[in-house]
Amino acid sequence: MKRFFIILLALFLAAGFSACQKRSDATPKQRGARENVVVADNPRLSFEEEPVLREPDREEEPPEKDTRPEELTRAMLEAVKTGDKSAIQKHVDYDALFLSIGDDDWHYRQILQNVKYQILSSDVEGDSASVWIKVTNIDMGVVLPAFFNKAMRLEYDNALSDEPVSAPELEAEYRKLFTGLVETNKNGVIERLVDVSVKKTGGEWEIIPGRDLSNALLGGYLNVKSAIGEHVQPATEPAVPSSSSDEPLPMQPERPSADEDFFLSQIDGDGQ
């Protein structure tokens, strides 16, 4: 009986080993076929279809900003700081910008060499652009009235002098006076925000000069000059007393004219 159970157990073990041997003898192709059959029952686990790789959606990039108006404005401001008319003329109409009355704009050069600027932003729409800048310069609201008062005194003293100086010598004194006042007041600065207009004409960008830009670059010179002109009136001629006698009238000292055009013309370069 015991021998019977031993033989039966040996048969079961032999059958198990035979089944394992057959499975291990299967070729990779046969094993893959069986595996595919099993996997095919579950589409979610199927390896037959390769996954499709999709590129992530890309956001459309905004068009590149045209920086030429800003670059032109910066080049113009750098040229302005030199005070060189020919250099400024390359970027903007000099005469339109500074209302020039001639080549002898020495007072402009004295002011412009102190210009400081900062480009804040720019906006381009088609053929038009706006460039916002901050301009810092010496406050001409301090320099110009002081120059006007001293120049008037200088002219008055010269007119009453026994040995008056010539017009060229007097103009040299005006220049020296103005230069000294600018140097003395270098720390008295004023800031202005300006919208610089830039237009495209014939495919090229160009700066459109305006009074606000001119006035800011000159430290408020244009505004102060206008204000002085409004408050100063020409002096009236002294009345000549009537006399029925033939005696000569006493000599009247020659009085200088207080017309502001004369004094301001000295710093505008047209003094005679």
Protein backbone atom coordinates (compact mmCIF):
# COMPACT_ATOMS: atom_id res chain seq x y z
CA MET A 1 0.00 0.00 0.00
CA LYS A 2 2.78 2.38 0.89
CA ARG A 3 4.53 1.48 -2.35
CA PHE A 4 1.36 2.36 -4.28
CA PHE A 5 1.23 5.89 -2.85
CA ILE A 6 4.94 6.41 -3.57
CA ILE A 7 4.45 5.42 -7.22
CA LEU A 8 1.38 7.69 -7.53
CA LEU A 9 3.28 10.66 -6.06
CA ALA A 10 6.16 10.05 -8.47
CA LEU A 11 3.74 10.13 -11.44
CA PHE A 12 2.28 13.49 -10.32
CA LEU A 13 5.76 15.01 -9.94
CA ALA A 14 6.80 13.72 -13.36
CA ALA A 15 3.70 15.24 -14.99
CA GLY A 16 4.38 18.63 -13.33
CA PHE A 17 7.98 18.71 -14.48
CA SER A 18 6.91 17.80 -18.01
CA ALA A 19 4.43 20.72 -18.18
CA CYS A 20 7.03 23.20 -16.97
CA GLN A 21 9.53 21.91 -19.47
CA LYS A 22 7.09 22.35 -22.36
CA ARG A 23 6.34 25.97 -21.29
CA SER A 24 10.04 26.80 -21.04
CA ASP A 25 10.71 25.19 -24.43
CA ALA A 26 8.26 27.57 -26.18
CA THR A 27 9.86 30.06 -28.55
CA PRO A 28 9.72 33.79 -27.80
CA LYS A 29 7.32 34.18 -30.73
CA GLN A 30 4.99 31.56 -29.28
CA ARG A 31 5.15 33.10 -25.81
CA GLY A 32 4.46 36.56 -27.31
CA ALA A 33 1.46 35.23 -29.21
CA ARG A 34 0.00 33.76 -26.02
CA GLU A 35 0.65 36.97 -24.14
CA ASN A 36 -0.95 39.04 -26.90
CA VAL A 37 -4.02 36.86 -26.81
CA VAL A 38 -4.38 37.50 -23.11
CA VAL A 39 -3.64 41.21 -23.38
CA ALA A 40 -5.99 41.59 -26.32
CA ASP A 41 -8.86 40.88 -23.96
CA ASN A 42 -8.03 44.13 -22.19
CA PRO A 43 -7.59 47.00 -24.69
CA ARG A 44 -6.27 49.28 -21.97
CA LEU A 45 -3.25 46.97 -21.55
CA SER A 46 -2.60 46.32 -25.22
CA PHE A 47 0.93 46.91 -26.47
CA GLU A 48 0.03 46.59 -30.12
CA GLU A 49 -0.63 50.35 -30.61
CA GLU A 50 2.22 52.76 -30.00
CA PRO A 51 1.24 55.90 -28.05
CA VAL A 52 0.93 59.06 -30.15
CA LEU A 53 3.12 61.86 -28.87
CA ARG A 54 1.48 65.30 -29.16
CA GLU A 55 3.45 68.49 -28.92
CA PRO A 56 2.12 70.92 -26.33
CA ASP A 57 0.16 73.84 -27.69
CA ARG A 58 2.38 76.87 -28.17
CA GLU A 59 1.14 80.34 -27.40
CA GLU A 60 1.49 82.76 -30.26
CA GLU A 61 4.34 85.16 -29.59
CA PRO A 62 3.53 88.86 -29.99
CA PRO A 63 5.16 90.57 -32.97
CA GLU A 64 8.61 91.98 -32.30
CA LYS A 65 8.50 95.62 -31.19
CA ASP A 66 10.00 98.20 -33.53
CA THR A 67 12.71 99.85 -31.46
CA ARG A 68 13.90 102.27 -34.15
CA PRO A 69 11.93 105.29 -32.83
CA GLU A 70 13.46 104.77 -29.39
CA GLU A 71 16.95 104.32 -30.84
CA LEU A 72 16.55 107.48 -32.95
CA THR A 73 15.45 109.46 -29.90
CA ARG A 74 18.43 108.25 -27.90
CA ALA A 75 20.83 109.17 -30.71
CA MET A 76 19.28 112.62 -30.94
CA LEU A 77 19.61 113.22 -27.18
CA GLU A 78 23.24 112.12 -27.19
CA ALA A 79 23.94 114.57 -30.03
CA VAL A 80 22.09 117.32 -28.15
CA LYS A 81 24.38 116.89 -25.16
CA THR A 82 27.35 117.80 -27.35
CA GLY A 83 25.74 121.07 -28.41
CA ASP A 84 27.16 120.46 -31.91
CA LYS A 85 24.69 121.73 -34.51
CA SER A 86 25.93 119.43 -37.28
CA ALA A 87 25.67 116.37 -35.02
CA ILE A 88 22.15 117.28 -33.92
CA GLN A 89 21.10 117.95 -37.50
CA LYS A 90 21.74 114.29 -38.39
CA HIS A 91 18.82 113.22 -36.19
CA VAL A 92 16.43 116.17 -36.12
CA ASP A 93 15.87 119.55 -37.76
CA TYR A 94 18.05 121.78 -35.58
CA ASP A 95 16.43 125.07 -36.57
CA ALA A 96 12.94 123.70 -35.91
CA LEU A 97 14.00 122.21 -32.58
CA PHE A 98 15.72 125.27 -31.12
CA LEU A 99 14.17 128.07 -33.18
CA SER A 100 17.70 129.00 -34.16
CA ILE A 101 18.41 132.51 -35.37
CA GLY A 102 21.83 131.77 -36.75
CA ASP A 103 25.00 129.78 -36.36
CA ASP A 104 26.14 131.69 -33.27
CA ASP A 105 24.00 129.78 -30.76
CA TRP A 106 26.66 129.89 -28.06
CA HIS A 107 24.14 130.25 -25.23
CA TYR A 108 22.37 127.06 -26.35
CA ARG A 109 25.64 125.15 -26.15
CA GLN A 110 26.18 126.42 -22.61
CA ILE A 111 22.79 125.04 -21.58
CA LEU A 112 22.72 121.79 -23.57
CA GLN A 113 26.00 120.46 -22.23
CA ASN A 114 24.22 119.96 -18.89
CA VAL A 115 21.35 117.86 -20.28
CA LYS A 116 20.62 114.50 -18.67
CA TYR A 117 17.88 112.20 -19.88
CA GLN A 118 16.14 108.90 -19.32
CA ILE A 119 13.98 107.04 -21.85
CA LEU A 120 10.95 105.73 -19.96
CA SER A 121 8.86 103.94 -22.58
CA SER A 122 7.82 103.93 -26.22
CA ASP A 123 4.67 103.04 -28.11
CA VAL A 124 4.57 102.29 -31.84
CA GLU A 125 1.35 102.23 -33.85
CA GLY A 126 1.81 101.89 -37.58
CA ASP A 127 3.77 104.86 -38.90
CA SER A 128 3.51 106.86 -35.66
CA ALA A 129 5.36 106.44 -32.40
CA SER A 130 5.56 108.16 -29.02
CA VAL A 131 8.72 108.02 -26.92
CA TRP A 132 8.36 109.19 -23.32
CA ILE A 133 11.51 110.71 -21.85
CA LYS A 134 12.52 112.49 -18.66
CA VAL A 135 14.84 115.45 -19.23
CA THR A 136 16.90 117.12 -16.51
CA ASN A 137 18.74 120.40 -16.95
CA ILE A 138 19.71 123.59 -15.14
CA ASP A 139 16.65 125.65 -14.24
CA MET A 140 16.70 128.68 -16.53
CA GLY A 141 13.99 130.16 -14.33
CA VAL A 142 16.85 131.07 -11.99
CA VAL A 143 19.63 131.83 -14.47
CA LEU A 144 17.81 133.93 -17.05
CA PRO A 145 16.19 136.53 -14.71
CA ALA A 146 19.54 136.99 -12.96
CA PHE A 147 21.23 137.47 -16.30
CA PHE A 148 18.58 139.93 -17.45
CA ASN A 149 18.96 142.12 -14.35
CA LYS A 150 22.74 142.17 -14.46
CA ALA A 151 22.87 142.71 -18.21
CA MET A 152 20.53 145.67 -17.92
CA ARG A 153 22.72 147.20 -15.22
CA LEU A 154 25.80 146.57 -17.34
CA GLU A 155 24.21 148.30 -20.33
CA TYR A 156 23.04 151.24 -18.21
CA ASP A 157 26.48 151.76 -16.67
CA ASN A 158 28.13 151.57 -20.05
CA ALA A 159 25.74 154.13 -21.52
CA LEU A 160 26.56 156.64 -18.75
CA SER A 161 30.27 155.91 -18.78
CA ASP A 162 32.72 158.54 -20.01
CA GLU A 163 34.49 155.79 -21.88
CA PRO A 164 31.83 153.33 -23.04
CA VAL A 165 33.02 150.05 -24.45
CA SER A 166 32.27 148.98 -28.00
CA ALA A 167 29.40 146.69 -28.94
CA PRO A 168 31.68 143.63 -29.46
CA GLU A 169 33.29 144.23 -26.07
CA LEU A 170 29.88 144.56 -24.45
CA GLU A 171 28.74 141.33 -26.07
CA ALA A 172 31.82 139.57 -24.70
CA GLU A 173 30.82 140.79 -21.24
CA TYR A 174 27.32 139.37 -21.75
CA ARG A 175 28.74 135.99 -22.68
CA LYS A 176 31.03 135.95 -19.70
CA LEU A 177 28.14 136.88 -17.43
CA PHE A 178 25.82 134.19 -18.82
CA THR A 179 28.49 131.47 -18.66
CA GLY A 180 29.25 132.35 -15.06
CA LEU A 181 25.59 132.19 -14.02
CA VAL A 182 25.15 128.79 -15.70
CA GLU A 183 28.22 127.43 -13.90
CA THR A 184 27.12 128.85 -10.55
CA ASN A 185 23.62 127.32 -10.77
CA LYS A 186 24.58 123.83 -11.98
CA ASN A 187 23.00 122.22 -8.93
CA GLY A 188 19.67 123.98 -9.44
CA VAL A 189 18.06 121.54 -11.86
CA ILE A 190 14.54 120.95 -13.11
CA GLU A 191 12.95 117.79 -14.52
CA ARG A 192 10.34 117.58 -17.25
CA LEU A 193 8.47 114.66 -18.84
CA VAL A 194 8.16 114.93 -22.61
CA ASP A 195 6.28 112.88 -25.20
CA VAL A 196 8.56 112.85 -28.25
CA SER A 197 6.60 112.42 -31.48
CA VAL A 198 8.23 110.23 -34.14
CA LYS A 199 6.77 109.66 -37.61
CA LYS A 200 7.71 107.32 -40.44
CA THR A 201 8.08 109.07 -43.78
CA GLY A 202 9.27 107.26 -46.88
CA GLY A 203 10.19 104.23 -44.80
CA GLU A 204 12.41 106.27 -42.47
CA TRP A 205 11.60 107.38 -38.93
CA GLU A 206 12.05 111.07 -38.10
CA ILE A 207 11.56 113.12 -34.94
CA ILE A 208 8.94 115.87 -35.08
CA PRO A 209 10.26 118.83 -33.06
CA GLY A 210 7.92 120.49 -30.60
CA ARG A 211 8.05 123.35 -28.13
CA ASP A 212 7.75 121.02 -25.12
CA LEU A 213 10.85 119.09 -26.21
CA SER A 214 12.80 122.28 -26.96
CA ASN A 215 11.81 123.89 -23.67
CA ALA A 216 12.74 120.80 -21.65
CA LEU A 217 16.15 120.45 -23.29
CA LEU A 218 16.86 124.14 -22.62
CA GLY A 219 15.82 123.97 -18.97
CA GLY A 220 12.68 126.07 -19.44
CA TYR A 221 14.53 128.80 -21.36
CA LEU A 222 11.68 129.44 -23.81
CA ASN A 223 9.04 129.83 -21.10
CA VAL A 224 11.18 132.18 -19.04
CA LYS A 225 12.07 134.30 -22.04
CA SER A 226 8.39 134.67 -22.93
CA ALA A 227 7.50 135.58 -19.35
CA ILE A 228 10.17 138.30 -19.24
CA GLY A 229 8.93 139.73 -22.51
CA GLU A 230 5.38 139.99 -21.17
CA HIS A 231 6.36 141.89 -18.02
CA VAL A 232 8.95 144.32 -19.40
CA GLN A 233 7.74 147.35 -21.35
CA PRO A 234 9.93 149.68 -23.43
CA ALA A 235 11.00 152.80 -21.61
CA THR A 236 9.32 156.03 -22.64
CA GLU A 237 11.38 158.91 -23.92
CA PRO A 238 11.83 161.76 -21.39
CA ALA A 239 9.60 164.75 -22.04
CA VAL A 240 11.37 167.79 -23.51
CA PRO A 241 10.30 171.01 -21.71
CA SER A 242 9.10 173.81 -23.96
CA SER A 243 10.89 177.17 -23.87
CA SER A 244 10.29 180.41 -25.64
CA SER A 245 13.80 181.65 -25.05
CA ASP A 246 16.70 181.07 -27.32
CA GLU A 247 18.82 179.63 -24.50
CA PRO A 248 20.03 176.09 -25.18
CA LEU A 249 18.32 173.40 -23.18
CA PRO A 250 20.41 171.52 -20.62
CA MET A 251 21.93 168.31 -21.93
CA GLN A 252 19.97 165.22 -21.00
CA PRO A 253 22.00 162.11 -20.28
CA GLU A 254 21.42 159.33 -22.79
CA ARG A 255 19.26 156.70 -21.15
CA PRO A 256 19.54 153.07 -22.22
CA SER A 257 16.46 151.36 -23.53
CA ALA A 258 14.92 148.82 -21.19
CA ASP A 259 13.39 146.96 -24.06
CA GLU A 260 13.88 143.33 -23.24
CA ASP A 261 14.47 142.49 -26.89
CA PHE A 262 17.87 144.13 -26.72
CA PHE A 263 19.11 142.17 -23.72
CA LEU A 264 17.64 138.87 -24.79
CA SER A 265 19.07 139.40 -28.24
CA GLN A 266 22.52 139.39 -26.67
CA ILE A 267 22.10 135.80 -25.51
CA ASP A 268 20.33 134.91 -28.74
CA GLY A 269 23.51 135.75 -30.61
CA ASP A 270 22.34 138.72 -32.67
CA GLY A 271 23.83 141.54 -30.59
CA GLN A 272 25.44 144.19 -32.74
